[in-house]
Amino acid sequence: MTAFKIAAVTENGETLSAHFGRADRYRVFTIEDGRVVAEQILPKPHHAAHAPGENHSHGEHHHEDMFAPIADCKVLLCGGMGEPAYRRALQAGLEVVLSGGSIEDALQAYLRGELTSDMRRVHRH
């Protein structure tokens, strides 16, 4: 089996972020033969631009920058994200899986083929 990468959007390194734009990092896992063989934390650009209650831009270049650190990933695990960011992630070729809870639980459920995406977690704004 070919190795691939899964990125999880997080603010604390442990749980999936409920809002992609506010998260400040990605926890990236390299998967080989159904198991994690490497892990790293990568900063996510533009997280400060999405402070609660403030207006924020949804320009295509802005979203491209947010996805640049995970350009080599196949899957994006996220607790929730705005519709423009969701569309851009799909255009970037990512399989977006929207779920809540701990990163470890979501990752293991995904690897077992048991994690389903909850489209109610796409925020309309």
PDB file of N, CA and C in Angstrom:
ATOM      1  N   MET A   1       0.841  -1.194   0.000  1.00  0.00           N
ATOM      2  CA  MET A   1       0.000   0.000   0.000  1.00  0.00           C
ATOM      3  C   MET A   1       0.881   1.250   0.000  1.00  0.00           C
ATOM      4  N   THR A   2       0.456   2.240  -0.718  1.00  0.00           N
ATOM      5  CA  THR A   2       1.192   3.487  -0.812  1.00  0.00           C
ATOM      6  C   THR A   2       0.955   4.341   0.429  1.00  0.00           C
ATOM      7  N   ALA A   3       1.992   5.030   0.857  1.00  0.00           N
ATOM      8  CA  ALA A   3       1.868   5.940   1.994  1.00  0.00           C
ATOM      9  C   ALA A   3       1.057   7.165   1.572  1.00  0.00           C
ATOM     10  N   PHE A   4       0.312   7.719   2.523  1.00  0.00           N
ATOM     11  CA  PHE A   4      -0.417   8.958   2.286  1.00  0.00           C
ATOM     12  C   PHE A   4      -0.489   9.727   3.596  1.00  0.00           C
ATOM     13  N   LYS A   5      -0.909  10.998   3.500  1.00  0.00           N
ATOM     14  CA  LYS A   5      -0.955  11.855   4.686  1.00  0.00           C
ATOM     15  C   LYS A   5      -2.373  12.311   4.982  1.00  0.00           C
ATOM     16  N   ILE A   6      -2.642  12.418   6.278  1.00  0.00           N
ATOM     17  CA  ILE A   6      -3.911  12.929   6.790  1.00  0.00           C
ATOM     18  C   ILE A   6      -3.597  14.138   7.658  1.00  0.00           C
ATOM     19  N   ALA A   7      -4.270  15.257   7.407  1.00  0.00           N
ATOM     20  CA  ALA A   7      -4.110  16.459   8.220  1.00  0.00           C
ATOM     21  C   ALA A   7      -5.343  16.643   9.089  1.00  0.00           C
ATOM     22  N   ALA A   8      -5.122  16.972  10.354  1.00  0.00           N
ATOM     23  CA  ALA A   8      -6.212  17.293  11.275  1.00  0.00           C
ATOM     24  C   ALA A   8      -6.064  18.754  11.681  1.00  0.00           C
ATOM     25  N   VAL A   9      -7.136  19.527  11.580  1.00  0.00           N
ATOM     26  CA  VAL A   9      -7.118  20.943  11.941  1.00  0.00           C
ATOM     27  C   VAL A   9      -7.384  21.058  13.437  1.00  0.00           C
ATOM     28  N   THR A  10      -6.524  21.804  14.144  1.00  0.00           N
ATOM     29  CA  THR A  10      -6.652  21.861  15.595  1.00  0.00           C
ATOM     30  C   THR A  10      -6.178  23.194  16.167  1.00  0.00           C
ATOM     31  N   GLU A  11      -6.674  23.500  17.344  1.00  0.00           N
ATOM     32  CA  GLU A  11      -6.216  24.669  18.089  1.00  0.00           C
ATOM     33  C   GLU A  11      -5.385  24.251  19.295  1.00  0.00           C
ATOM     34  N   ASN A  12      -5.532  22.999  19.723  1.00  0.00           N
ATOM     35  CA  ASN A  12      -4.838  22.554  20.937  1.00  0.00           C
ATOM     36  C   ASN A  12      -4.010  21.288  20.739  1.00  0.00           C
ATOM     37  N   GLY A  13      -4.007  20.751  19.538  1.00  0.00           N
ATOM     38  CA  GLY A  13      -3.235  19.553  19.248  1.00  0.00           C
ATOM     39  C   GLY A  13      -3.925  18.253  19.603  1.00  0.00           C
ATOM     40  N   GLU A  14      -5.065  18.325  20.288  1.00  0.00           N
ATOM     41  CA  GLU A  14      -5.757  17.122  20.758  1.00  0.00           C
ATOM     42  C   GLU A  14      -7.133  16.908  20.134  1.00  0.00           C
ATOM     43  N   THR A  15      -7.870  18.002  19.910  1.00  0.00           N
ATOM     44  CA  THR A  15      -9.228  17.884  19.377  1.00  0.00           C
ATOM     45  C   THR A  15      -9.336  18.571  18.018  1.00  0.00           C
ATOM     46  N   LEU A  16     -10.307  18.127  17.224  1.00  0.00           N
ATOM     47  CA  LEU A  16     -10.572  18.755  15.937  1.00  0.00           C
ATOM     48  C   LEU A  16     -11.186  20.129  16.176  1.00  0.00           C
ATOM     49  N   SER A  17     -10.697  21.122  15.471  1.00  0.00           N
ATOM     50  CA  SER A  17     -11.214  22.478  15.621  1.00  0.00           C
ATOM     51  C   SER A  17     -12.614  22.582  15.025  1.00  0.00           C
ATOM     52  N   ALA A  18     -13.511  23.250  15.754  1.00  0.00           N
ATOM     53  CA  ALA A  18     -14.883  23.448  15.289  1.00  0.00           C
ATOM     54  C   ALA A  18     -14.956  24.481  14.167  1.00  0.00           C
ATOM     55  N   HIS A  19     -13.899  25.288  14.005  1.00  0.00           N
ATOM     56  CA  HIS A  19     -13.882  26.284  12.938  1.00  0.00           C
ATOM     57  C   HIS A  19     -12.497  26.320  12.307  1.00  0.00           C
ATOM     58  N   PHE A  20     -12.406  25.812  11.102  1.00  0.00           N
ATOM     59  CA  PHE A  20     -11.150  25.736  10.359  1.00  0.00           C
ATOM     60  C   PHE A  20     -10.383  27.053  10.385  1.00  0.00           C
ATOM     61  N   GLY A  21     -11.071  28.160  10.139  1.00  0.00           N
ATOM     62  CA  GLY A  21     -10.411  29.461  10.033  1.00  0.00           C
ATOM     63  C   GLY A  21      -9.750  29.935  11.303  1.00  0.00           C
ATOM     64  N   ARG A  22     -10.217  29.497  12.448  1.00  0.00           N
ATOM     65  CA  ARG A  22      -9.655  29.941  13.729  1.00  0.00           C
ATOM     66  C   ARG A  22      -8.514  29.059  14.222  1.00  0.00           C
ATOM     67  N   ALA A  23      -8.399  27.873  13.673  1.00  0.00           N
ATOM     68  CA  ALA A  23      -7.342  26.951  14.113  1.00  0.00           C
ATOM     69  C   ALA A  23      -5.975  27.479  13.687  1.00  0.00           C
ATOM     70  N   ASP A  24      -4.978  27.254  14.529  1.00  0.00           N
ATOM     71  CA  ASP A  24      -3.646  27.785  14.243  1.00  0.00           C
ATOM     72  C   ASP A  24      -2.646  26.746  13.751  1.00  0.00           C
ATOM     73  N   ARG A  25      -3.088  25.474  13.664  1.00  0.00           N
ATOM     74  CA  ARG A  25      -2.125  24.446  13.239  1.00  0.00           C
ATOM     75  C   ARG A  25      -2.815  23.226  12.647  1.00  0.00           C
ATOM     76  N   TYR A  26      -1.984  22.459  11.984  1.00  0.00           N
ATOM     77  CA  TYR A  26      -2.375  21.148  11.471  1.00  0.00           C
ATOM     78  C   TYR A  26      -1.551  20.097  12.203  1.00  0.00           C
ATOM     79  N   ARG A  27      -2.174  19.009  12.538  1.00  0.00           N
ATOM     80  CA  ARG A  27      -1.454  17.834  13.020  1.00  0.00           C
ATOM     81  C   ARG A  27      -1.496  16.849  11.855  1.00  0.00           C
ATOM     82  N   VAL A  28      -0.339  16.539  11.293  1.00  0.00           N
ATOM     83  CA  VAL A  28      -0.254  15.756  10.062  1.00  0.00           C
ATOM     84  C   VAL A  28       0.324  14.374  10.356  1.00  0.00           C
ATOM     85  N   PHE A  29      -0.372  13.369   9.863  1.00  0.00           N
ATOM     86  CA  PHE A  29       0.017  11.972  10.066  1.00  0.00           C
ATOM     87  C   PHE A  29       0.376  11.342   8.726  1.00  0.00           C
ATOM     88  N   THR A  30       1.493  10.633   8.684  1.00  0.00           N
ATOM     89  CA  THR A  30       1.840   9.827   7.516  1.00  0.00           C
ATOM     90  C   THR A  30       1.368   8.408   7.797  1.00  0.00           C
ATOM     91  N   ILE A  31       0.567   7.882   6.877  1.00  0.00           N
ATOM     92  CA  ILE A  31      -0.048   6.562   7.038  1.00  0.00           C
ATOM     93  C   ILE A  31       0.582   5.588   6.048  1.00  0.00           C
ATOM     94  N   GLU A  32       0.954   4.433   6.539  1.00  0.00           N
ATOM     95  CA  GLU A  32       1.508   3.375   5.695  1.00  0.00           C
ATOM     96  C   GLU A  32       0.962   2.042   6.186  1.00  0.00           C
ATOM     97  N   ASP A  33       0.400   1.266   5.279  1.00  0.00           N
ATOM     98  CA  ASP A  33      -0.185  -0.030   5.637  1.00  0.00           C
ATOM     99  C   ASP A  33      -1.197   0.084   6.782  1.00  0.00           C
ATOM    100  N   GLY A  34      -1.996   1.161   6.750  1.00  0.00           N
ATOM    101  CA  GLY A  34      -3.064   1.331   7.724  1.00  0.00           C
ATOM    102  C   GLY A  34      -2.644   1.791   9.102  1.00  0.00           C
ATOM    103  N   ARG A  35      -1.381   2.211   9.243  1.00  0.00           N
ATOM    104  CA  ARG A  35      -0.950   2.675  10.565  1.00  0.00           C
ATOM    105  C   ARG A  35      -0.109   3.943  10.437  1.00  0.00           C
ATOM    106  N   VAL A  36      -0.045   4.695  11.523  1.00  0.00           N
ATOM    107  CA  VAL A  36       0.720   5.938  11.563  1.00  0.00           C
ATOM    108  C   VAL A  36       2.207   5.602  11.667  1.00  0.00           C
ATOM    109  N   VAL A  37       2.996   6.136  10.733  1.00  0.00           N
ATOM    110  CA  VAL A  37       4.443   5.907  10.762  1.00  0.00           C
ATOM    111  C   VAL A  37       5.224   7.185  11.051  1.00  0.00           C
ATOM    112  N   ALA A  38       4.556   8.340  10.964  1.00  0.00           N
ATOM    113  CA  ALA A  38       5.193   9.621  11.276  1.00  0.00           C
ATOM    114  C   ALA A  38       4.109  10.638  11.600  1.00  0.00           C
ATOM    115  N   GLU A  39       4.509  11.652  12.354  1.00  0.00           N
ATOM    116  CA  GLU A  39       3.568  12.708  12.745  1.00  0.00           C
ATOM    117  C   GLU A  39       4.326  14.017  12.864  1.00  0.00           C
ATOM    118  N   GLN A  40       3.663  15.114  12.497  1.00  0.00           N
ATOM    119  CA  GLN A  40       4.268  16.429  12.652  1.00  0.00           C
ATOM    120  C   GLN A  40       3.182  17.478  12.871  1.00  0.00           C
ATOM    121  N   ILE A  41       3.589  18.594  13.458  1.00  0.00           N
ATOM    122  CA  ILE A  41       2.705  19.745  13.647  1.00  0.00           C
ATOM    123  C   ILE A  41       3.170  20.825  12.680  1.00  0.00           C
ATOM    124  N   LEU A  42       2.236  21.379  11.908  1.00  0.00           N
ATOM    125  CA  LEU A  42       2.552  22.448  10.967  1.00  0.00           C
ATOM    126  C   LEU A  42       1.692  23.666  11.278  1.00  0.00           C
ATOM    127  N   PRO A  43       2.254  24.876  11.219  1.00  0.00           N
ATOM    128  CA  PRO A  43       1.443  26.075  11.431  1.00  0.00           C
ATOM    129  C   PRO A  43       0.472  26.280  10.271  1.00  0.00           C
ATOM    130  N   LYS A  44      -0.711  26.820  10.576  1.00  0.00           N
ATOM    131  CA  LYS A  44      -1.712  27.118   9.548  1.00  0.00           C
ATOM    132  C   LYS A  44      -1.761  28.628   9.356  1.00  0.00           C
ATOM    133  N   PRO A  45      -1.449  29.113   8.165  1.00  0.00           N
ATOM    134  CA  PRO A  45      -1.473  30.555   7.909  1.00  0.00           C
ATOM    135  C   PRO A  45      -2.868  31.154   8.086  1.00  0.00           C
ATOM    136  N   HIS A  46      -2.896  32.434   8.408  1.00  0.00           N
ATOM    137  CA  HIS A  46      -4.107  33.262   8.440  1.00  0.00           C
ATOM    138  C   HIS A  46      -5.099  32.923   9.540  1.00  0.00           C
ATOM    139  N   HIS A  47      -4.720  32.164  10.535  1.00  0.00           N
ATOM    140  CA  HIS A  47      -5.696  31.849  11.584  1.00  0.00           C
ATOM    141  C   HIS A  47      -6.106  33.087  12.364  1.00  0.00           C
ATOM    142  N   ALA A  48      -5.219  34.055  12.541  1.00  0.00           N
ATOM    143  CA  ALA A  48      -5.543  35.264  13.308  1.00  0.00           C
ATOM    144  C   ALA A  48      -6.579  36.122  12.595  1.00  0.00           C
ATOM    145  N   ALA A  49      -6.709  35.964  11.290  1.00  0.00           N
ATOM    146  CA  ALA A  49      -7.673  36.751  10.515  1.00  0.00           C
ATOM    147  C   ALA A  49      -9.110  36.339  10.803  1.00  0.00           C
ATOM    148  N   HIS A  50      -9.316  35.258  11.548  1.00  0.00           N
ATOM    149  CA  HIS A  50     -10.656  34.744  11.811  1.00  0.00           C
ATOM    150  C   HIS A  50     -11.020  34.844  13.291  1.00  0.00           C
ATOM    151  N   ALA A  51     -10.762  35.991  13.894  1.00  0.00           N
ATOM    152  CA  ALA A  51     -11.124  36.170  15.294  1.00  0.00           C
ATOM    153  C   ALA A  51     -12.642  36.180  15.438  1.00  0.00           C
ATOM    154  N   PRO A  52     -13.167  35.641  16.545  1.00  0.00           N
ATOM    155  CA  PRO A  52     -14.619  35.587  16.734  1.00  0.00           C
ATOM    156  C   PRO A  52     -15.260  36.968  16.632  1.00  0.00           C
ATOM    157  N   GLY A  53     -16.356  37.062  15.907  1.00  0.00           N
ATOM    158  CA  GLY A  53     -17.119  38.296  15.811  1.00  0.00           C
ATOM    159  C   GLY A  53     -16.579  39.309  14.824  1.00  0.00           C
ATOM    160  N   GLU A  54     -15.464  39.027  14.193  1.00  0.00           N
ATOM    161  CA  GLU A  54     -14.887  39.965  13.244  1.00  0.00           C
ATOM    162  C   GLU A  54     -15.189  39.528  11.823  1.00  0.00           C
ATOM    163  N   ASN A  55     -15.243  40.516  10.921  1.00  0.00           N
ATOM    164  CA  ASN A  55     -15.378  40.198   9.505  1.00  0.00           C
ATOM    165  C   ASN A  55     -14.094  39.556   9.029  1.00  0.00           C
ATOM    166  N   HIS A  56     -14.200  38.651   8.090  1.00  0.00           N
ATOM    167  CA  HIS A  56     -12.993  38.066   7.531  1.00  0.00           C
ATOM    168  C   HIS A  56     -13.185  37.802   6.050  1.00  0.00           C
ATOM    169  N   SER A  57     -12.079  37.915   5.355  1.00  0.00           N
ATOM    170  CA  SER A  57     -12.082  37.756   3.908  1.00  0.00           C
ATOM    171  C   SER A  57     -12.172  36.286   3.528  1.00  0.00           C
ATOM    172  N   HIS A  58     -12.839  36.021   2.430  1.00  0.00           N
ATOM    173  CA  HIS A  58     -12.926  34.650   1.925  1.00  0.00           C
ATOM    174  C   HIS A  58     -12.311  34.550   0.536  1.00  0.00           C
ATOM    175  N   GLY A  59     -11.332  35.414   0.246  1.00  0.00           N
ATOM    176  CA  GLY A  59     -10.710  35.404  -1.070  1.00  0.00           C
ATOM    177  C   GLY A  59     -10.030  34.083  -1.378  1.00  0.00           C
ATOM    178  N   GLU A  60     -10.006  33.742  -2.657  1.00  0.00           N
ATOM    179  CA  GLU A  60      -9.403  32.478  -3.080  1.00  0.00           C
ATOM    180  C   GLU A  60      -7.935  32.400  -2.698  1.00  0.00           C
ATOM    181  N   HIS A  61      -7.184  33.507  -2.849  1.00  0.00           N
ATOM    182  CA  HIS A  61      -5.758  33.466  -2.517  1.00  0.00           C
ATOM    183  C   HIS A  61      -5.566  33.224  -1.029  1.00  0.00           C
ATOM    184  N   HIS A  62      -6.419  33.810  -0.220  1.00  0.00           N
ATOM    185  CA  HIS A  62      -6.370  33.626   1.230  1.00  0.00           C
ATOM    186  C   HIS A  62      -6.543  32.149   1.579  1.00  0.00           C
ATOM    187  N   HIS A  63      -7.520  31.497   0.994  1.00  0.00           N
ATOM    188  CA  HIS A  63      -7.757  30.076   1.272  1.00  0.00           C
ATOM    189  C   HIS A  63      -6.650  29.197   0.702  1.00  0.00           C
ATOM    190  N   GLU A  64      -6.111  29.563  -0.464  1.00  0.00           N
ATOM    191  CA  GLU A  64      -4.994  28.793  -1.015  1.00  0.00           C
ATOM    192  C   GLU A  64      -3.833  28.787  -0.034  1.00  0.00           C
ATOM    193  N   ASP A  65      -3.547  29.945   0.569  1.00  0.00           N
ATOM    194  CA  ASP A  65      -2.466  30.036   1.551  1.00  0.00           C
ATOM    195  C   ASP A  65      -2.726  29.125   2.740  1.00  0.00           C
ATOM    196  N   MET A  66      -3.982  29.051   3.184  1.00  0.00           N
ATOM    197  CA  MET A  66      -4.320  28.215   4.337  1.00  0.00           C
ATOM    198  C   MET A  66      -4.064  26.736   4.061  1.00  0.00           C
ATOM    199  N   PHE A  67      -4.232  26.317   2.820  1.00  0.00           N
ATOM    200  CA  PHE A  67      -4.049  24.910   2.464  1.00  0.00           C
ATOM    201  C   PHE A  67      -2.633  24.580   2.006  1.00  0.00           C
ATOM    202  N   ALA A  68      -1.794  25.585   1.771  1.00  0.00           N
ATOM    203  CA  ALA A  68      -0.437  25.353   1.264  1.00  0.00           C
ATOM    204  C   ALA A  68       0.381  24.378   2.123  1.00  0.00           C
ATOM    205  N   PRO A  69       0.353  24.481   3.460  1.00  0.00           N
ATOM    206  CA  PRO A  69       1.175  23.563   4.262  1.00  0.00           C
ATOM    207  C   PRO A  69       0.767  22.092   4.144  1.00  0.00           C
ATOM    208  N   ILE A  70      -0.460  21.828   3.702  1.00  0.00           N
ATOM    209  CA  ILE A  70      -0.923  20.435   3.613  1.00  0.00           C
ATOM    210  C   ILE A  70      -1.179  20.018   2.164  1.00  0.00           C
ATOM    211  N   ALA A  71      -0.462  20.650   1.250  1.00  0.00           N
ATOM    212  CA  ALA A  71      -0.643  20.355  -0.175  1.00  0.00           C
ATOM    213  C   ALA A  71      -0.352  18.894  -0.511  1.00  0.00           C
ATOM    214  N   ASP A  72       0.453  18.232   0.316  1.00  0.00           N
ATOM    215  CA  ASP A  72       0.788  16.827   0.047  1.00  0.00           C
ATOM    216  C   ASP A  72      -0.117  15.846   0.794  1.00  0.00           C
ATOM    217  N   CYS A  73      -1.170  16.360   1.430  1.00  0.00           N
ATOM    218  CA  CYS A  73      -2.097  15.497   2.172  1.00  0.00           C
ATOM    219  C   CYS A  73      -3.246  15.037   1.279  1.00  0.00           C
ATOM    220  N   LYS A  74      -3.788  13.891   1.604  1.00  0.00           N
ATOM    221  CA  LYS A  74      -4.928  13.323   0.873  1.00  0.00           C
ATOM    222  C   LYS A  74      -6.239  13.644   1.583  1.00  0.00           C
ATOM    223  N   VAL A  75      -6.212  13.677   2.926  1.00  0.00           N
ATOM    224  CA  VAL A  75      -7.415  13.797   3.742  1.00  0.00           C
ATOM    225  C   VAL A  75      -7.268  14.968   4.705  1.00  0.00           C
ATOM    226  N   LEU A  76      -8.368  15.697   4.930  1.00  0.00           N
ATOM    227  CA  LEU A  76      -8.423  16.760   5.926  1.00  0.00           C
ATOM    228  C   LEU A  76      -9.532  16.425   6.915  1.00  0.00           C
ATOM    229  N   LEU A  77      -9.166  16.250   8.183  1.00  0.00           N
ATOM    230  CA  LEU A  77     -10.137  16.034   9.258  1.00  0.00           C
ATOM    231  C   LEU A  77     -10.376  17.372   9.938  1.00  0.00           C
ATOM    232  N   CYS A  78     -11.639  17.759  10.083  1.00  0.00           N
ATOM    233  CA  CYS A  78     -11.959  19.063  10.653  1.00  0.00           C
ATOM    234  C   CYS A  78     -13.289  18.993  11.396  1.00  0.00           C
ATOM    235  N   GLY A  79     -13.401  19.756  12.478  1.00  0.00           N
ATOM    236  CA  GLY A  79     -14.636  19.791  13.244  1.00  0.00           C
ATOM    237  C   GLY A  79     -15.701  20.668  12.617  1.00  0.00           C
ATOM    238  N   GLY A  80     -15.302  21.579  11.751  1.00  0.00           N
ATOM    239  CA  GLY A  80     -16.232  22.470  11.078  1.00  0.00           C
ATOM    240  C   GLY A  80     -15.472  23.503  10.274  1.00  0.00           C
ATOM    241  N   MET A  81     -16.120  24.022   9.230  1.00  0.00           N
ATOM    242  CA  MET A  81     -15.478  25.042   8.406  1.00  0.00           C
ATOM    243  C   MET A  81     -16.528  25.790   7.609  1.00  0.00           C
ATOM    244  N   GLY A  82     -16.178  27.009   7.196  1.00  0.00           N
ATOM    245  CA  GLY A  82     -17.067  27.797   6.365  1.00  0.00           C
ATOM    246  C   GLY A  82     -17.187  27.207   4.973  1.00  0.00           C
ATOM    247  N   GLU A  83     -18.289  27.519   4.328  1.00  0.00           N
ATOM    248  CA  GLU A  83     -18.540  26.976   2.992  1.00  0.00           C
ATOM    249  C   GLU A  83     -17.455  27.346   1.979  1.00  0.00           C
ATOM    250  N   PRO A  84     -16.955  28.608   1.971  1.00  0.00           N
ATOM    251  CA  PRO A  84     -15.894  28.930   1.006  1.00  0.00           C
ATOM    252  C   PRO A  84     -14.627  28.093   1.223  1.00  0.00           C
ATOM    253  N   ALA A  85     -14.231  27.907   2.459  1.00  0.00           N
ATOM    254  CA  ALA A  85     -13.043  27.094   2.747  1.00  0.00           C
ATOM    255  C   ALA A  85     -13.294  25.632   2.383  1.00  0.00           C
ATOM    256  N   TYR A  86     -14.492  25.151   2.635  1.00  0.00           N
ATOM    257  CA  TYR A  86     -14.840  23.769   2.285  1.00  0.00           C
ATOM    258  C   TYR A  86     -14.711  23.544   0.778  1.00  0.00           C
ATOM    259  N   ARG A  87     -15.276  24.472  -0.001  1.00  0.00           N
ATOM    260  CA  ARG A  87     -15.191  24.360  -1.465  1.00  0.00           C
ATOM    261  C   ARG A  87     -13.736  24.388  -1.932  1.00  0.00           C
ATOM    262  N   ARG A  88     -12.943  25.272  -1.335  1.00  0.00           N
ATOM    263  CA  ARG A  88     -11.536  25.399  -1.733  1.00  0.00           C
ATOM    264  C   ARG A  88     -10.760  24.124  -1.389  1.00  0.00           C
ATOM    265  N   ALA A  89     -11.059  23.518  -0.256  1.00  0.00           N
ATOM    266  CA  ALA A  89     -10.387  22.266   0.130  1.00  0.00           C
ATOM    267  C   ALA A  89     -10.680  21.172  -0.892  1.00  0.00           C
ATOM    268  N   LEU A  90     -11.922  21.091  -1.327  1.00  0.00           N
ATOM    269  CA  LEU A  90     -12.286  20.097  -2.343  1.00  0.00           C
ATOM    270  C   LEU A  90     -11.565  20.379  -3.660  1.00  0.00           C
ATOM    271  N   GLN A  91     -11.507  21.664  -4.031  1.00  0.00           N
ATOM    272  CA  GLN A  91     -10.807  22.043  -5.262  1.00  0.00           C
ATOM    273  C   GLN A  91      -9.322  21.710  -5.179  1.00  0.00           C
ATOM    274  N   ALA A  92      -8.771  21.742  -3.973  1.00  0.00           N
ATOM    275  CA  ALA A  92      -7.355  21.418  -3.763  1.00  0.00           C
ATOM    276  C   ALA A  92      -7.115  19.912  -3.796  1.00  0.00           C
ATOM    277  N   GLY A  93      -8.189  19.139  -3.967  1.00  0.00           N
ATOM    278  CA  GLY A  93      -8.051  17.693  -4.072  1.00  0.00           C
ATOM    279  C   GLY A  93      -8.100  16.947  -2.753  1.00  0.00           C
ATOM    280  N   LEU A  94      -8.490  17.640  -1.685  1.00  0.00           N
ATOM    281  CA  LEU A  94      -8.572  16.998  -0.373  1.00  0.00           C
ATOM    282  C   LEU A  94      -9.903  16.275  -0.191  1.00  0.00           C
ATOM    283  N   GLU A  95      -9.848  15.145   0.455  1.00  0.00           N
ATOM    284  CA  GLU A  95     -11.060  14.486   0.938  1.00  0.00           C
ATOM    285  C   GLU A  95     -11.331  15.109   2.303  1.00  0.00           C
ATOM    286  N   VAL A  96     -12.399  15.883   2.432  1.00  0.00           N
ATOM    287  CA  VAL A  96     -12.708  16.573   3.683  1.00  0.00           C
ATOM    288  C   VAL A  96     -13.682  15.726   4.485  1.00  0.00           C
ATOM    289  N   VAL A  97     -13.304  15.416   5.721  1.00  0.00           N
ATOM    290  CA  VAL A  97     -14.169  14.648   6.610  1.00  0.00           C
ATOM    291  C   VAL A  97     -14.448  15.519   7.826  1.00  0.00           C
ATOM    292  N   LEU A  98     -15.716  15.898   7.994  1.00  0.00           N
ATOM    293  CA  LEU A  98     -16.141  16.769   9.084  1.00  0.00           C
ATOM    294  C   LEU A  98     -16.694  15.931  10.219  1.00  0.00           C
ATOM    295  N   SER A  99     -16.056  16.070  11.377  1.00  0.00           N
ATOM    296  CA  SER A  99     -16.432  15.279  12.544  1.00  0.00           C
ATOM    297  C   SER A  99     -15.994  16.036  13.789  1.00  0.00           C
ATOM    298  N   GLY A 100     -16.410  15.583  14.944  1.00  0.00           N
ATOM    299  CA  GLY A 100     -16.008  16.234  16.181  1.00  0.00           C
ATOM    300  C   GLY A 100     -15.182  15.316  17.046  1.00  0.00           C
ATOM    301  N   GLY A 101     -14.772  15.842  18.188  1.00  0.00           N
ATOM    302  CA  GLY A 101     -14.071  15.021  19.162  1.00  0.00           C
ATOM    303  C   GLY A 101     -12.569  15.047  19.036  1.00  0.00           C
ATOM    304  N   SER A 102     -11.958  14.003  19.572  1.00  0.00           N
ATOM    305  CA  SER A 102     -10.497  13.953  19.600  1.00  0.00           C
ATOM    306  C   SER A 102      -9.933  13.573  18.234  1.00  0.00           C
ATOM    307  N   ILE A 103      -8.749  14.084  17.975  1.00  0.00           N
ATOM    308  CA  ILE A 103      -8.065  13.762  16.726  1.00  0.00           C
ATOM    309  C   ILE A 103      -7.777  12.268  16.662  1.00  0.00           C
ATOM    310  N   GLU A 104      -7.304  11.703  17.763  1.00  0.00           N
ATOM    311  CA  GLU A 104      -6.959  10.273  17.787  1.00  0.00           C
ATOM    312  C   GLU A 104      -8.166   9.398  17.448  1.00  0.00           C
ATOM    313  N   ASP A 105      -9.319   9.712  18.056  1.00  0.00           N
ATOM    314  CA  ASP A 105     -10.530   8.922  17.788  1.00  0.00           C
ATOM    315  C   ASP A 105     -10.950   9.036  16.325  1.00  0.00           C
ATOM    316  N   ALA A 106     -10.935  10.275  15.797  1.00  0.00           N
ATOM    317  CA  ALA A 106     -11.329  10.487  14.402  1.00  0.00           C
ATOM    318  C   ALA A 106     -10.353   9.789  13.453  1.00  0.00           C
ATOM    319  N   LEU A 107      -9.070   9.893  13.740  1.00  0.00           N
ATOM    320  CA  LEU A 107      -8.058   9.263  12.892  1.00  0.00           C
ATOM    321  C   LEU A 107      -8.238   7.749  12.854  1.00  0.00           C
ATOM    322  N   GLN A 108      -8.387   7.144  14.013  1.00  0.00           N
ATOM    323  CA  GLN A 108      -8.541   5.685  14.063  1.00  0.00           C
ATOM    324  C   GLN A 108      -9.836   5.233  13.385  1.00  0.00           C
ATOM    325  N   ALA A 109     -10.927   5.997  13.589  1.00  0.00           N
ATOM    326  CA  ALA A 109     -12.196   5.664  12.925  1.00  0.00           C
ATOM    327  C   ALA A 109     -12.042   5.777  11.409  1.00  0.00           C
ATOM    328  N   TYR A 110     -11.326   6.802  10.944  1.00  0.00           N
ATOM    329  CA  TYR A 110     -11.096   6.947   9.504  1.00  0.00           C
ATOM    330  C   TYR A 110     -10.316   5.748   8.969  1.00  0.00           C
ATOM    331  N   LEU A 111      -9.265   5.368   9.666  1.00  0.00           N
ATOM    332  CA  LEU A 111      -8.428   4.253   9.207  1.00  0.00           C
ATOM    333  C   LEU A 111      -9.189   2.927   9.191  1.00  0.00           C
ATOM    334  N   ARG A 112     -10.187   2.801  10.061  1.00  0.00           N
ATOM    335  CA  ARG A 112     -11.027   1.593  10.071  1.00  0.00           C
ATOM    336  C   ARG A 112     -12.156   1.672   9.042  1.00  0.00           C
ATOM    337  N   GLY A 113     -12.308   2.828   8.388  1.00  0.00           N
ATOM    338  CA  GLY A 113     -13.385   3.015   7.418  1.00  0.00           C
ATOM    339  C   GLY A 113     -14.722   3.296   8.065  1.00  0.00           C
ATOM    340  N   GLU A 114     -14.701   3.784   9.310  1.00  0.00           N
ATOM    341  CA  GLU A 114     -15.934   3.995  10.072  1.00  0.00           C
ATOM    342  C   GLU A 114     -16.298   5.463  10.284  1.00  0.00           C
ATOM    343  N   LEU A 115     -15.490   6.388   9.789  1.00  0.00           N
ATOM    344  CA  LEU A 115     -15.753   7.808  10.019  1.00  0.00           C
ATOM    345  C   LEU A 115     -16.545   8.377   8.851  1.00  0.00           C
ATOM    346  N   THR A 116     -17.706   8.946   9.141  1.00  0.00           N
ATOM    347  CA  THR A 116     -18.517   9.583   8.103  1.00  0.00           C
ATOM    348  C   THR A 116     -18.505  11.087   8.308  1.00  0.00           C
ATOM    349  N   SER A 117     -18.606  11.819   7.237  1.00  0.00           N
ATOM    350  CA  SER A 117     -18.574  13.271   7.284  1.00  0.00           C
ATOM    351  C   SER A 117     -19.962  13.823   7.596  1.00  0.00           C
ATOM    352  N   ASP A 118     -20.023  14.756   8.539  1.00  0.00           N
ATOM    353  CA  ASP A 118     -21.273  15.396   8.944  1.00  0.00           C
ATOM    354  C   ASP A 118     -21.362  16.761   8.258  1.00  0.00           C
ATOM    355  N   MET A 119     -22.095  16.834   7.163  1.00  0.00           N
ATOM    356  CA  MET A 119     -22.174  18.057   6.372  1.00  0.00           C
ATOM    357  C   MET A 119     -22.849  19.210   7.113  1.00  0.00           C
ATOM    358  N   ARG A 120     -23.508  18.938   8.226  1.00  0.00           N
ATOM    359  CA  ARG A 120     -24.082  20.025   9.034  1.00  0.00           C
ATOM    360  C   ARG A 120     -22.980  20.872   9.659  1.00  0.00           C
ATOM    361  N   ARG A 121     -21.755  20.388   9.621  1.00  0.00           N
ATOM    362  CA  ARG A 121     -20.623  21.119  10.190  1.00  0.00           C
ATOM    363  C   ARG A 121     -20.012  22.126   9.208  1.00  0.00           C
ATOM    364  N   VAL A 122     -20.598  22.244   8.004  1.00  0.00           N
ATOM    365  CA  VAL A 122     -20.184  23.291   7.067  1.00  0.00           C
ATOM    366  C   VAL A 122     -20.987  24.532   7.422  1.00  0.00           C
ATOM    367  N   HIS A 123     -20.290  25.594   7.820  1.00  0.00           N
ATOM    368  CA  HIS A 123     -20.933  26.840   8.243  1.00  0.00           C
ATOM    369  C   HIS A 123     -21.266  27.682   7.024  1.00  0.00           C
ATOM    370  N   ARG A 124     -22.467  28.166   6.956  1.00  0.00           N
ATOM    371  CA  ARG A 124     -22.889  29.045   5.864  1.00  0.00           C
ATOM    372  C   ARG A 124     -22.625  30.478   6.290  1.00  0.00           C
ATOM    373  N   HIS A 125     -21.639  31.120   5.634  1.00  0.00           N
ATOM    374  CA  HIS A 125     -21.401  32.548   5.911  1.00  0.00           C
ATOM    375  C   HIS A 125     -20.776  33.230   4.753  1.00  0.00           C
TER     376      HIS A 125
END
